[in-house]
Amino acid sequence: MSTEDPPAPARPRRGYWVPGLIAMTFLVVVSVVFVLVGVQSHVGRTLQGPVVAEELSLDLQTAGSTPLVRCPSEEPLRPGLVFYCTESAGGGPERIRVTETSERGGFSYRLAPAG
């Protein structure tokens, strides 16, 4: 008879894939949140020219005629920023001076002096 002890049963292998999966899921969720917050903070950060042109056209509308207004395709949202649109109605084109009044896309306008 042998006095050797029988070999100890193999210790069950404890995997690290479950904690790793949890950590990876957490990192992915945090990354997605940062991306979405970053994207949301930059969405709509321009004033769209066609929208401004449409509003100006409706404002400048006279009895029976709607002028054709053209503006730059987009301008950054920055209070105090000035840009020009053109309006064609009847006579030659006229310039419209547009001033941004708020970071939310508010603006004011006036016909620019000829010249």
N, C-alpha and C. Protein backbone atom coordinates (compact mmCIF):
# COMPACT_ATOMS: atom_id res chain seq x y z
N MET A 1 0.81 -1.16 0.00
CA MET A 1 0.00 0.00 0.00
C MET A 1 0.87 1.24 0.00
N SER A 2 0.34 2.17 -0.75
CA SER A 2 1.11 3.40 -0.88
C SER A 2 0.58 4.40 0.13
N THR A 3 1.48 5.17 0.66
CA THR A 3 1.09 6.18 1.64
C THR A 3 0.85 7.54 0.99
N GLU A 4 0.89 7.55 -0.28
CA GLU A 4 0.66 8.82 -0.96
C GLU A 4 -0.81 9.19 -0.86
N ASP A 5 -1.00 10.47 -0.71
CA ASP A 5 -2.38 10.98 -0.69
C ASP A 5 -2.89 11.07 -2.12
N PRO A 6 -4.15 10.83 -2.26
CA PRO A 6 -4.69 10.96 -3.61
C PRO A 6 -4.59 12.43 -4.04
N PRO A 7 -4.45 12.66 -5.33
CA PRO A 7 -4.32 14.05 -5.79
C PRO A 7 -5.57 14.85 -5.42
N ALA A 8 -5.33 16.07 -5.06
CA ALA A 8 -6.45 16.95 -4.69
C ALA A 8 -7.29 17.23 -5.94
N PRO A 9 -8.57 17.29 -5.75
CA PRO A 9 -9.40 17.58 -6.92
C PRO A 9 -9.04 18.97 -7.48
N ALA A 10 -9.16 19.08 -8.79
CA ALA A 10 -8.81 20.35 -9.43
C ALA A 10 -9.75 21.45 -8.95
N ARG A 11 -9.15 22.54 -8.62
CA ARG A 11 -9.92 23.68 -8.14
C ARG A 11 -10.73 24.25 -9.31
N PRO A 12 -12.00 24.50 -9.09
CA PRO A 12 -12.79 25.01 -10.21
C PRO A 12 -12.20 26.35 -10.68
N ARG A 13 -12.13 26.46 -11.95
CA ARG A 13 -11.55 27.66 -12.53
C ARG A 13 -12.56 28.79 -12.44
N ARG A 14 -12.16 29.84 -11.80
CA ARG A 14 -13.05 30.99 -11.67
C ARG A 14 -12.73 31.95 -12.80
N GLY A 15 -13.71 32.19 -13.58
CA GLY A 15 -13.49 33.06 -14.73
C GLY A 15 -13.62 34.51 -14.34
N TYR A 16 -12.93 35.33 -15.09
CA TYR A 16 -13.01 36.77 -14.88
C TYR A 16 -13.83 37.42 -15.99
N TRP A 17 -14.47 36.61 -16.79
CA TRP A 17 -15.23 37.17 -17.89
C TRP A 17 -16.48 37.89 -17.42
N VAL A 18 -17.12 37.44 -16.33
CA VAL A 18 -18.32 38.12 -15.85
C VAL A 18 -17.98 39.52 -15.31
N PRO A 19 -17.00 39.67 -14.44
CA PRO A 19 -16.65 41.03 -14.00
C PRO A 19 -16.13 41.88 -15.17
N GLY A 20 -15.39 41.25 -16.07
CA GLY A 20 -14.90 41.98 -17.24
C GLY A 20 -16.04 42.46 -18.12
N LEU A 21 -17.03 41.62 -18.30
CA LEU A 21 -18.20 41.99 -19.09
C LEU A 21 -18.97 43.13 -18.43
N ILE A 22 -19.09 43.07 -17.13
CA ILE A 22 -19.78 44.15 -16.40
C ILE A 22 -19.01 45.46 -16.56
N ALA A 23 -17.70 45.41 -16.39
CA ALA A 23 -16.88 46.62 -16.53
C ALA A 23 -16.96 47.17 -17.95
N MET A 24 -16.90 46.28 -18.94
CA MET A 24 -16.96 46.73 -20.33
C MET A 24 -18.32 47.36 -20.64
N THR A 25 -19.40 46.77 -20.14
CA THR A 25 -20.74 47.32 -20.35
C THR A 25 -20.84 48.71 -19.73
N PHE A 26 -20.31 48.86 -18.53
CA PHE A 26 -20.33 50.16 -17.86
C PHE A 26 -19.57 51.20 -18.69
N LEU A 27 -18.40 50.85 -19.18
CA LEU A 27 -17.60 51.79 -19.97
C LEU A 27 -18.31 52.17 -21.28
N VAL A 28 -18.96 51.21 -21.91
CA VAL A 28 -19.68 51.49 -23.15
C VAL A 28 -20.84 52.45 -22.87
N VAL A 29 -21.59 52.19 -21.79
CA VAL A 29 -22.72 53.05 -21.45
C VAL A 29 -22.24 54.47 -21.15
N VAL A 30 -21.18 54.60 -20.37
CA VAL A 30 -20.63 55.92 -20.06
C VAL A 30 -20.17 56.62 -21.33
N SER A 31 -19.51 55.90 -22.23
CA SER A 31 -19.05 56.50 -23.49
C SER A 31 -20.22 56.97 -24.33
N VAL A 32 -21.26 56.17 -24.43
CA VAL A 32 -22.44 56.56 -25.22
C VAL A 32 -23.08 57.81 -24.63
N VAL A 33 -23.17 57.89 -23.31
CA VAL A 33 -23.75 59.08 -22.67
C VAL A 33 -22.92 60.31 -23.01
N PHE A 34 -21.59 60.21 -22.92
CA PHE A 34 -20.73 61.35 -23.25
C PHE A 34 -20.89 61.76 -24.71
N VAL A 35 -20.99 60.81 -25.60
CA VAL A 35 -21.16 61.13 -27.03
C VAL A 35 -22.50 61.82 -27.25
N LEU A 36 -23.57 61.29 -26.67
CA LEU A 36 -24.89 61.88 -26.86
C LEU A 36 -24.97 63.28 -26.26
N VAL A 37 -24.39 63.49 -25.10
CA VAL A 37 -24.40 64.82 -24.49
C VAL A 37 -23.59 65.78 -25.36
N GLY A 38 -22.47 65.33 -25.88
CA GLY A 38 -21.66 66.17 -26.76
C GLY A 38 -22.38 66.50 -28.05
N VAL A 39 -23.07 65.52 -28.62
CA VAL A 39 -23.81 65.76 -29.86
C VAL A 39 -24.96 66.71 -29.59
N GLN A 40 -25.67 66.52 -28.50
CA GLN A 40 -26.81 67.38 -28.20
C GLN A 40 -26.38 68.83 -27.97
N SER A 41 -25.19 69.03 -27.43
CA SER A 41 -24.76 70.39 -27.17
C SER A 41 -24.37 71.11 -28.45
N HIS A 42 -24.14 70.36 -29.55
CA HIS A 42 -23.77 71.00 -30.81
C HIS A 42 -24.88 70.99 -31.84
N VAL A 43 -25.95 70.27 -31.57
CA VAL A 43 -27.06 70.23 -32.53
C VAL A 43 -27.74 71.59 -32.54
N GLY A 44 -28.03 72.06 -33.72
CA GLY A 44 -28.73 73.33 -33.84
C GLY A 44 -27.88 74.52 -33.51
N ARG A 45 -26.59 74.42 -33.61
CA ARG A 45 -25.72 75.53 -33.28
C ARG A 45 -25.55 76.49 -34.45
N THR A 46 -26.39 76.34 -35.47
CA THR A 46 -26.36 77.27 -36.60
C THR A 46 -27.77 77.77 -36.86
N LEU A 47 -27.82 78.94 -37.42
CA LEU A 47 -29.09 79.53 -37.83
C LEU A 47 -29.24 79.17 -39.30
N GLN A 48 -30.31 78.47 -39.65
CA GLN A 48 -30.51 77.98 -41.00
C GLN A 48 -31.08 79.07 -41.90
N GLY A 49 -30.36 79.38 -42.98
CA GLY A 49 -30.74 80.44 -43.90
C GLY A 49 -32.12 80.30 -44.49
N PRO A 50 -32.52 79.10 -44.98
CA PRO A 50 -33.86 78.97 -45.55
C PRO A 50 -34.97 79.29 -44.55
N VAL A 51 -34.77 78.97 -43.29
CA VAL A 51 -35.78 79.26 -42.27
C VAL A 51 -35.87 80.77 -42.06
N VAL A 52 -34.71 81.43 -41.97
CA VAL A 52 -34.68 82.89 -41.81
C VAL A 52 -35.33 83.55 -43.02
N ALA A 53 -34.98 83.08 -44.22
CA ALA A 53 -35.53 83.66 -45.44
C ALA A 53 -37.05 83.53 -45.47
N GLU A 54 -37.57 82.39 -45.06
CA GLU A 54 -39.02 82.19 -45.05
C GLU A 54 -39.70 83.14 -44.06
N GLU A 55 -39.12 83.30 -42.87
CA GLU A 55 -39.70 84.20 -41.88
C GLU A 55 -39.66 85.64 -42.38
N LEU A 56 -38.54 86.05 -42.97
CA LEU A 56 -38.43 87.40 -43.50
C LEU A 56 -39.43 87.62 -44.62
N SER A 57 -39.56 86.64 -45.50
CA SER A 57 -40.48 86.74 -46.62
C SER A 57 -41.91 86.94 -46.13
N LEU A 58 -42.31 86.20 -45.12
CA LEU A 58 -43.65 86.35 -44.56
C LEU A 58 -43.83 87.71 -43.89
N ASP A 59 -42.79 88.18 -43.22
CA ASP A 59 -42.85 89.48 -42.55
C ASP A 59 -42.94 90.63 -43.55
N LEU A 60 -42.24 90.50 -44.67
CA LEU A 60 -42.19 91.57 -45.67
C LEU A 60 -43.33 91.47 -46.68
N GLN A 61 -44.17 90.50 -46.51
CA GLN A 61 -45.27 90.27 -47.44
C GLN A 61 -46.18 91.51 -47.50
N THR A 62 -46.52 91.88 -48.72
CA THR A 62 -47.46 92.99 -48.91
C THR A 62 -48.73 92.41 -49.50
N ALA A 63 -49.71 93.24 -49.67
CA ALA A 63 -50.99 92.78 -50.20
C ALA A 63 -50.81 92.08 -51.53
N GLY A 64 -51.00 90.80 -51.54
CA GLY A 64 -50.96 90.02 -52.77
C GLY A 64 -49.60 89.63 -53.28
N SER A 65 -48.51 90.07 -52.67
CA SER A 65 -47.19 89.66 -53.17
C SER A 65 -46.29 89.24 -52.03
N THR A 66 -45.62 88.14 -52.24
CA THR A 66 -44.65 87.64 -51.27
C THR A 66 -43.27 87.78 -51.89
N PRO A 67 -42.39 88.56 -51.28
CA PRO A 67 -41.07 88.74 -51.87
C PRO A 67 -40.21 87.48 -51.75
N LEU A 68 -39.28 87.36 -52.68
CA LEU A 68 -38.34 86.26 -52.64
C LEU A 68 -37.13 86.72 -51.83
N VAL A 69 -36.87 86.04 -50.71
CA VAL A 69 -35.75 86.41 -49.85
C VAL A 69 -34.73 85.28 -49.88
N ARG A 70 -33.47 85.65 -50.01
CA ARG A 70 -32.37 84.67 -49.98
C ARG A 70 -31.39 85.07 -48.90
N CYS A 71 -30.97 84.07 -48.13
CA CYS A 71 -30.01 84.27 -47.04
C CYS A 71 -28.88 83.26 -47.19
N PRO A 72 -27.74 83.51 -46.51
CA PRO A 72 -26.68 82.49 -46.51
C PRO A 72 -27.24 81.17 -45.99
N SER A 73 -26.66 80.06 -46.43
CA SER A 73 -27.21 78.75 -46.08
C SER A 73 -27.26 78.52 -44.58
N GLU A 74 -26.25 78.97 -43.86
CA GLU A 74 -26.29 78.88 -42.39
C GLU A 74 -25.29 79.85 -41.80
N GLU A 75 -25.60 80.28 -40.60
CA GLU A 75 -24.74 81.19 -39.85
C GLU A 75 -24.62 80.63 -38.43
N PRO A 76 -23.44 80.79 -37.80
CA PRO A 76 -23.31 80.29 -36.42
C PRO A 76 -24.23 81.06 -35.49
N LEU A 77 -24.73 80.38 -34.48
CA LEU A 77 -25.57 81.05 -33.48
C LEU A 77 -24.66 81.83 -32.54
N ARG A 78 -24.71 83.13 -32.68
CA ARG A 78 -23.87 83.99 -31.85
C ARG A 78 -24.59 85.33 -31.71
N PRO A 79 -25.11 85.66 -30.54
CA PRO A 79 -25.81 86.94 -30.38
C PRO A 79 -24.91 88.09 -30.82
N GLY A 80 -25.49 89.01 -31.58
CA GLY A 80 -24.74 90.16 -32.08
C GLY A 80 -24.18 89.96 -33.48
N LEU A 81 -24.15 88.73 -33.96
CA LEU A 81 -23.63 88.45 -35.30
C LEU A 81 -24.55 89.09 -36.34
N VAL A 82 -23.96 89.74 -37.33
CA VAL A 82 -24.71 90.41 -38.38
C VAL A 82 -24.42 89.72 -39.71
N PHE A 83 -25.47 89.44 -40.48
CA PHE A 83 -25.29 88.94 -41.84
C PHE A 83 -26.37 89.56 -42.71
N TYR A 84 -26.22 89.41 -44.00
CA TYR A 84 -27.13 90.07 -44.94
C TYR A 84 -27.88 89.07 -45.80
N CYS A 85 -29.14 89.37 -46.02
CA CYS A 85 -29.98 88.62 -46.94
C CYS A 85 -30.38 89.59 -48.06
N THR A 86 -30.86 89.05 -49.17
CA THR A 86 -31.36 89.90 -50.25
C THR A 86 -32.82 89.60 -50.48
N GLU A 87 -33.54 90.63 -50.88
CA GLU A 87 -34.98 90.51 -51.11
C GLU A 87 -35.27 91.06 -52.49
N SER A 88 -36.00 90.31 -53.28
CA SER A 88 -36.38 90.74 -54.63
C SER A 88 -37.89 90.87 -54.69
N ALA A 89 -38.34 92.06 -54.86
CA ALA A 89 -39.78 92.29 -55.02
C ALA A 89 -39.95 93.49 -55.94
N GLY A 90 -40.58 93.28 -57.04
CA GLY A 90 -40.85 94.38 -57.95
C GLY A 90 -39.58 94.98 -58.53
N GLY A 91 -38.95 95.88 -57.82
CA GLY A 91 -37.74 96.57 -58.30
C GLY A 91 -36.52 95.68 -58.19
N GLY A 92 -35.38 96.31 -58.02
CA GLY A 92 -34.13 95.56 -57.89
C GLY A 92 -34.01 94.92 -56.53
N PRO A 93 -32.99 94.12 -56.36
CA PRO A 93 -32.81 93.47 -55.05
C PRO A 93 -32.42 94.47 -53.97
N GLU A 94 -32.93 94.24 -52.79
CA GLU A 94 -32.58 95.06 -51.63
C GLU A 94 -31.90 94.19 -50.60
N ARG A 95 -31.00 94.79 -49.86
CA ARG A 95 -30.31 94.05 -48.79
C ARG A 95 -31.07 94.19 -47.49
N ILE A 96 -31.08 93.11 -46.73
CA ILE A 96 -31.70 93.11 -45.41
C ILE A 96 -30.60 92.78 -44.41
N ARG A 97 -30.42 93.66 -43.46
CA ARG A 97 -29.41 93.45 -42.40
C ARG A 97 -30.07 92.66 -41.28
N VAL A 98 -29.53 91.46 -41.02
CA VAL A 98 -30.09 90.57 -39.99
C VAL A 98 -29.10 90.50 -38.84
N THR A 99 -29.59 90.74 -37.63
CA THR A 99 -28.75 90.68 -36.43
C THR A 99 -29.29 89.60 -35.51
N GLU A 100 -28.44 88.68 -35.13
CA GLU A 100 -28.86 87.63 -34.20
C GLU A 100 -29.01 88.24 -32.81
N THR A 101 -30.10 87.90 -32.14
CA THR A 101 -30.38 88.48 -30.83
C THR A 101 -30.26 87.48 -29.69
N SER A 102 -30.22 86.19 -30.01
CA SER A 102 -30.11 85.20 -28.93
C SER A 102 -29.43 83.94 -29.44
N GLU A 103 -28.97 83.12 -28.51
CA GLU A 103 -28.34 81.84 -28.85
C GLU A 103 -29.37 80.80 -29.27
N ARG A 104 -30.63 81.13 -29.15
CA ARG A 104 -31.70 80.20 -29.53
C ARG A 104 -32.21 80.45 -30.95
N GLY A 105 -31.57 81.36 -31.67
CA GLY A 105 -31.96 81.60 -33.05
C GLY A 105 -32.83 82.82 -33.26
N GLY A 106 -33.01 83.64 -32.23
CA GLY A 106 -33.78 84.86 -32.39
C GLY A 106 -32.98 85.87 -33.22
N PHE A 107 -33.69 86.67 -33.98
CA PHE A 107 -33.00 87.67 -34.79
C PHE A 107 -33.91 88.86 -35.02
N SER A 108 -33.29 89.98 -35.36
CA SER A 108 -34.03 91.17 -35.77
C SER A 108 -33.48 91.56 -37.13
N TYR A 109 -34.23 92.40 -37.84
CA TYR A 109 -33.77 92.77 -39.18
C TYR A 109 -34.21 94.19 -39.51
N ARG A 110 -33.58 94.75 -40.50
CA ARG A 110 -34.01 96.03 -41.06
C ARG A 110 -33.45 96.12 -42.47
N LEU A 111 -34.12 96.86 -43.30
CA LEU A 111 -33.63 97.04 -44.66
C LEU A 111 -32.34 97.84 -44.58
N ALA A 112 -31.32 97.35 -45.26
CA ALA A 112 -30.02 98.02 -45.26
C ALA A 112 -30.07 99.17 -46.24
N PRO A 113 -29.35 100.26 -45.94
CA PRO A 113 -29.31 101.37 -46.87
C PRO A 113 -28.70 100.93 -48.20
N ALA A 114 -29.19 101.50 -49.27
CA ALA A 114 -28.66 101.16 -50.60
C ALA A 114 -27.22 101.61 -50.69
N GLY A 115 -26.43 100.81 -51.37
CA GLY A 115 -25.04 101.23 -51.54
C GLY A 115 -24.12 100.16 -51.40
